[in-house]
C-alpha cells in the first residue's frame, strides 16, 4: 500500500488489486470507471479518446465503445474535491495529482536495477511490494503488455536486490527476495543460482545441493532440459565428494 493512504490527496493502487483512496478513505467506483482510471494510469503520455475506446472495448462497435467511454469518464472523473482525469481536446490523461503505487514502486525497482548502491534499509518493505501482481484477476487485453513489463521489472529488481544483500552478508532478506522472484517465474534459472550462492555463502552445502537437485528434476520434468553449465559449476566437486 502507498505510504500516504491515511493522508490527504488521492492515490490509485493497482498492485494486488484496484483501490482508489481519497483523503484516507476508499472510493467506490463502477467497474467501467475503475478500468478507465487503471488504463489511463498506464498511459504515460495520455491517449486519444478514440484509441482509448477501441482498446478498452475491442469487441464493441465504435459507437458503443465510445458510449461506454463517456459513461466511465462521467463516473470516474472526480473523487472528492480533486479531478482524476484531465481532458484536453480529444486527449485523456490521468491527473498528475493522483499518486499511483505502480509508478512509485516501479521507480524504486529501477533504482535497484540501475545503480550499484548499498542495499536499502527497508529491503523487506520493498520485497513485499514487488511480490504484488498488477491488477490480478483482470483479463483485459490492453493490460497484458504492461503486466509483462511489470513482471520483468520485478524479476530483475528482486534478483539484483538479492545479489546486493548477499554481498552485504544479509542472507535472510537476500533469500526472501530471490524466493519472491522464483514465485513469479519458477523456471528462470538466474534466481535459482542465487539461492545456491546464498546457501554456499552461509556454509549450507547440503541445502545448496538439494536446491540444485530439486531444480534439475523440475527442468527435466517440465522441459526435458538440464541446468546450464554456469549453474552446475557452482557445485562442481561437491556432489561427488
Foldseek 3Di string as FASTA:
>chain_A
DDPCLCAAFWEFEFWQATWIGHNNHTDDFDPLLSVVLLLQVPVPVFDFLQVVLCQQCVPDDSVVSSVSSVVSCVGNQDDDPDGQWDDDPRTIHGDPRYHYPCVVLLVVLVCLLPDPDAQDPPLVVSLVRLLTFGNPPDDRPSCVVVRVVSLVSLLSSLLSNLVRCLVVVVLPSSLSSLVSSCVSPVLDVSSLLSVLVSCVSVVNNVVSVVSQVVNQVVCCVPPNDGDDPVSVVSCPPPVVD
